[in-house]
Amino acid sequence: MVGSITHCAGYRAAAVARAGDIASVGIDGEPHAALPPEVVPGVTLPAEREMLAGLGGDLHWDRLLFSAKESIYKAWFPLTERWLGFDECVLTIDPAARTFTGRPLVDSPLPEFHGRFTVEHDLVLTAVTVGSRP
């Protein structure tokens, strides 16, 4: 079995699958609120800050980016048994498709991790699955 858990104020979730069906899964839930300004530089790369500045609407894109990186890490770690820092993965977000792609900047079993997101009930929810063992 493979799985992932997440929790924040008022929300808890788990995802489980058979290891024969998927290699890894990562989920994250966060409150739909802006990240504290002092946190943003520590969890984003310059290219990501530029991307965030170009995204419009009323979504807290910085929180979504943080959550997506958390989901990527949770899918990454079982495959590598290594830490993946916020500065070791560059994220791109496709708002129209409600997807994101994380490209690790370190030696990785996959060149990219793909995920989906939604914002529901004042929560940012992200998920990543790795279809087969790399």
C-alpha atoms as a PDB file:
ATOM      1  CA  MET A   1       0.000   0.000   0.000  1.00  0.00           C
ATOM      2  CA  VAL A   2       1.015   3.615  -0.561  1.00  0.00           C
ATOM      3  CA  GLY A   3      -0.574   6.621   1.040  1.00  0.00           C
ATOM      4  CA  SER A   4      -0.446  10.177   2.258  1.00  0.00           C
ATOM      5  CA  ILE A   5      -2.084  12.215   5.005  1.00  0.00           C
ATOM      6  CA  THR A   6      -2.779  15.884   5.561  1.00  0.00           C
ATOM      7  CA  HIS A   7      -4.344  18.015   8.254  1.00  0.00           C
ATOM      8  CA  CYS A   8      -4.953  21.643   9.065  1.00  0.00           C
ATOM      9  CA  ALA A   9      -7.481  23.477  11.208  1.00  0.00           C
ATOM     10  CA  GLY A  10     -10.874  21.924  10.517  1.00  0.00           C
ATOM     11  CA  TYR A  11      -9.677  19.436   7.893  1.00  0.00           C
ATOM     12  CA  ARG A  12      -8.100  15.994   7.864  1.00  0.00           C
ATOM     13  CA  ALA A  13      -7.693  13.611   4.928  1.00  0.00           C
ATOM     14  CA  ALA A  14      -5.926  10.451   3.865  1.00  0.00           C
ATOM     15  CA  ALA A  15      -5.343   8.864   0.467  1.00  0.00           C
ATOM     16  CA  VAL A  16      -4.437   5.193   0.079  1.00  0.00           C
ATOM     17  CA  ALA A  17      -3.836   3.016  -2.993  1.00  0.00           C
ATOM     18  CA  ARG A  18      -2.415  -0.343  -3.879  1.00  0.00           C
ATOM     19  CA  ALA A  19       1.284  -0.207  -4.634  1.00  0.00           C
ATOM     20  CA  GLY A  20       0.616  -2.256  -7.762  1.00  0.00           C
ATOM     21  CA  ASP A  21      -1.625   0.534  -9.091  1.00  0.00           C
ATOM     22  CA  ILE A  22       0.489   3.590  -8.286  1.00  0.00           C
ATOM     23  CA  ALA A  23       4.017   4.077  -6.995  1.00  0.00           C
ATOM     24  CA  SER A  24       3.414   7.065  -4.744  1.00  0.00           C
ATOM     25  CA  VAL A  25       0.835   9.659  -3.725  1.00  0.00           C
ATOM     26  CA  GLY A  26       1.031  13.018  -1.994  1.00  0.00           C
ATOM     27  CA  ILE A  27      -1.853  15.157  -0.734  1.00  0.00           C
ATOM     28  CA  ASP A  28      -2.003  18.448   1.121  1.00  0.00           C
ATOM     29  CA  GLY A  29      -4.703  20.725   2.484  1.00  0.00           C
ATOM     30  CA  GLU A  30      -4.144  24.302   3.578  1.00  0.00           C
ATOM     31  CA  PRO A  31      -6.385  27.180   4.603  1.00  0.00           C
ATOM     32  CA  HIS A  32      -7.204  29.388   1.614  1.00  0.00           C
ATOM     33  CA  ALA A  33      -5.372  32.443   2.882  1.00  0.00           C
ATOM     34  CA  ALA A  34      -2.279  34.348   1.851  1.00  0.00           C
ATOM     35  CA  LEU A  35       1.023  33.074   3.167  1.00  0.00           C
ATOM     36  CA  PRO A  36       2.658  35.422   5.653  1.00  0.00           C
ATOM     37  CA  PRO A  37       4.840  37.771   3.557  1.00  0.00           C
ATOM     38  CA  GLU A  38       8.004  36.746   5.411  1.00  0.00           C
ATOM     39  CA  VAL A  39       7.407  33.069   4.451  1.00  0.00           C
ATOM     40  CA  VAL A  40       7.113  33.604   0.683  1.00  0.00           C
ATOM     41  CA  PRO A  41      10.857  34.066  -0.051  1.00  0.00           C
ATOM     42  CA  GLY A  42      11.670  30.872   1.852  1.00  0.00           C
ATOM     43  CA  VAL A  43       9.282  28.658  -0.109  1.00  0.00           C
ATOM     44  CA  THR A  44       9.536  30.165  -3.604  1.00  0.00           C
ATOM     45  CA  LEU A  45      12.194  30.612  -6.248  1.00  0.00           C
ATOM     46  CA  PRO A  46      12.562  33.875  -8.214  1.00  0.00           C
ATOM     47  CA  ALA A  47      10.864  32.374 -11.306  1.00  0.00           C
ATOM     48  CA  GLU A  48       7.948  31.247  -9.139  1.00  0.00           C
ATOM     49  CA  ARG A  49       7.537  34.700  -7.590  1.00  0.00           C
ATOM     50  CA  GLU A  50       7.428  36.125 -11.116  1.00  0.00           C
ATOM     51  CA  MET A  51       4.790  33.545 -12.108  1.00  0.00           C
ATOM     52  CA  LEU A  52       2.705  34.297  -8.989  1.00  0.00           C
ATOM     53  CA  ALA A  53       2.778  38.021  -9.769  1.00  0.00           C
ATOM     54  CA  GLY A  54       1.230  37.298 -13.175  1.00  0.00           C
ATOM     55  CA  LEU A  55      -1.634  35.167 -11.884  1.00  0.00           C
ATOM     56  CA  GLY A  56      -4.836  37.047 -11.290  1.00  0.00           C
ATOM     57  CA  GLY A  57      -8.152  36.379  -9.687  1.00  0.00           C
ATOM     58  CA  ASP A  58      -9.016  35.946  -6.061  1.00  0.00           C
ATOM     59  CA  LEU A  59      -7.059  32.765  -5.423  1.00  0.00           C
ATOM     60  CA  HIS A  60      -4.199  32.847  -2.946  1.00  0.00           C
ATOM     61  CA  TRP A  61      -1.676  31.487  -5.433  1.00  0.00           C
ATOM     62  CA  ASP A  62       1.193  31.648  -2.944  1.00  0.00           C
ATOM     63  CA  ARG A  63      -0.637  29.246  -0.621  1.00  0.00           C
ATOM     64  CA  LEU A  64      -1.483  27.001  -3.550  1.00  0.00           C
ATOM     65  CA  LEU A  65       2.184  26.889  -4.554  1.00  0.00           C
ATOM     66  CA  PHE A  66       3.151  25.997  -0.971  1.00  0.00           C
ATOM     67  CA  SER A  67       0.540  23.223  -0.854  1.00  0.00           C
ATOM     68  CA  ALA A  68       1.556  21.847  -4.256  1.00  0.00           C
ATOM     69  CA  LYS A  69       5.195  21.643  -3.144  1.00  0.00           C
ATOM     70  CA  GLU A  70       4.078  19.826   0.009  1.00  0.00           C
ATOM     71  CA  SER A  71       2.178  17.279  -2.114  1.00  0.00           C
ATOM     72  CA  ILE A  72       5.190  16.827  -4.383  1.00  0.00           C
ATOM     73  CA  TYR A  73       7.434  16.244  -1.370  1.00  0.00           C
ATOM     74  CA  LYS A  74       5.025  13.642   0.024  1.00  0.00           C
ATOM     75  CA  ALA A  75       5.066  11.783  -3.316  1.00  0.00           C
ATOM     76  CA  TRP A  76       8.852  12.249  -3.702  1.00  0.00           C
ATOM     77  CA  PHE A  77      10.076  10.995  -0.336  1.00  0.00           C
ATOM     78  CA  PRO A  78       8.900   7.349  -0.571  1.00  0.00           C
ATOM     79  CA  LEU A  79      10.634   7.086  -3.956  1.00  0.00           C
ATOM     80  CA  THR A  80      13.948   8.576  -2.841  1.00  0.00           C
ATOM     81  CA  GLU A  81      14.064   8.509   0.970  1.00  0.00           C
ATOM     82  CA  ARG A  82      15.595  11.989   0.680  1.00  0.00           C
ATOM     83  CA  TRP A  83      14.460  15.461   1.684  1.00  0.00           C
ATOM     84  CA  LEU A  84      13.350  17.782  -1.128  1.00  0.00           C
ATOM     85  CA  GLY A  85      13.677  21.418  -0.113  1.00  0.00           C
ATOM     86  CA  PHE A  86      11.379  24.188  -1.306  1.00  0.00           C
ATOM     87  CA  ASP A  87      14.319  25.589  -3.281  1.00  0.00           C
ATOM     88  CA  GLU A  88      15.003  22.222  -4.963  1.00  0.00           C
ATOM     89  CA  CYS A  89      11.821  22.095  -7.035  1.00  0.00           C
ATOM     90  CA  VAL A  90      10.460  24.710  -9.420  1.00  0.00           C
ATOM     91  CA  LEU A  91       6.691  24.795  -9.802  1.00  0.00           C
ATOM     92  CA  THR A  92       4.478  25.976 -12.622  1.00  0.00           C
ATOM     93  CA  ILE A  93       0.721  26.374 -12.281  1.00  0.00           C
ATOM     94  CA  ASP A  94      -1.887  26.071 -15.052  1.00  0.00           C
ATOM     95  CA  PRO A  95      -4.913  27.914 -13.614  1.00  0.00           C
ATOM     96  CA  ALA A  96      -7.258  27.003 -16.474  1.00  0.00           C
ATOM     97  CA  ALA A  97      -6.584  23.269 -16.213  1.00  0.00           C
ATOM     98  CA  ARG A  98      -6.290  23.424 -12.395  1.00  0.00           C
ATOM     99  CA  THR A  99      -3.005  21.529 -12.591  1.00  0.00           C
ATOM    100  CA  PHE A 100       0.593  22.076 -11.571  1.00  0.00           C
ATOM    101  CA  THR A 101       3.960  20.640 -12.496  1.00  0.00           C
ATOM    102  CA  GLY A 102       6.989  20.431 -10.243  1.00  0.00           C
ATOM    103  CA  ARG A 103      10.416  19.956 -11.763  1.00  0.00           C
ATOM    104  CA  PRO A 104      13.049  18.830  -9.241  1.00  0.00           C
ATOM    105  CA  LEU A 105      16.349  20.690  -9.546  1.00  0.00           C
ATOM    106  CA  VAL A 106      18.258  17.794  -7.959  1.00  0.00           C
ATOM    107  CA  ASP A 107      18.849  14.183  -8.993  1.00  0.00           C
ATOM    108  CA  SER A 108      15.358  12.696  -9.248  1.00  0.00           C
ATOM    109  CA  PRO A 109      13.704   9.442 -10.298  1.00  0.00           C
ATOM    110  CA  LEU A 110      11.280  11.564 -12.370  1.00  0.00           C
ATOM    111  CA  PRO A 111      11.952  14.707 -14.387  1.00  0.00           C
ATOM    112  CA  GLU A 112       8.543  16.124 -13.363  1.00  0.00           C
ATOM    113  CA  PHE A 113       5.750  15.560 -10.862  1.00  0.00           C
ATOM    114  CA  HIS A 114       2.223  16.390 -12.014  1.00  0.00           C
ATOM    115  CA  GLY A 115      -0.691  17.273  -9.784  1.00  0.00           C
ATOM    116  CA  ARG A 116      -4.131  18.792  -9.571  1.00  0.00           C
ATOM    117  CA  PHE A 117      -5.674  21.379  -7.274  1.00  0.00           C
ATOM    118  CA  THR A 118      -8.999  22.714  -6.154  1.00  0.00           C
ATOM    119  CA  VAL A 119     -10.196  25.376  -3.748  1.00  0.00           C
ATOM    120  CA  GLU A 120     -13.282  24.355  -1.791  1.00  0.00           C
ATOM    121  CA  HIS A 121     -14.804  25.534   1.502  1.00  0.00           C
ATOM    122  CA  ASP A 122     -11.924  27.955   2.174  1.00  0.00           C
ATOM    123  CA  LEU A 123      -9.340  25.184   1.679  1.00  0.00           C
ATOM    124  CA  VAL A 124      -6.612  24.755  -0.922  1.00  0.00           C
ATOM    125  CA  LEU A 125      -6.346  21.045  -1.767  1.00  0.00           C
ATOM    126  CA  THR A 126      -3.551  19.551  -3.868  1.00  0.00           C
ATOM    127  CA  ALA A 127      -2.706  16.014  -4.936  1.00  0.00           C
ATOM    128  CA  VAL A 128       0.088  14.265  -6.823  1.00  0.00           C
ATOM    129  CA  THR A 129       0.207  10.666  -7.992  1.00  0.00           C
ATOM    130  CA  VAL A 130       3.094   8.771  -9.539  1.00  0.00           C
ATOM    131  CA  GLY A 131       1.614   6.158 -11.840  1.00  0.00           C
ATOM    132  CA  SER A 132       4.326   3.531 -11.847  1.00  0.00           C
ATOM    133  CA  ARG A 133       7.630   3.032 -10.103  1.00  0.00           C
ATOM    134  CA  PRO A 134      10.291   5.011 -11.956  1.00  0.00           C
END
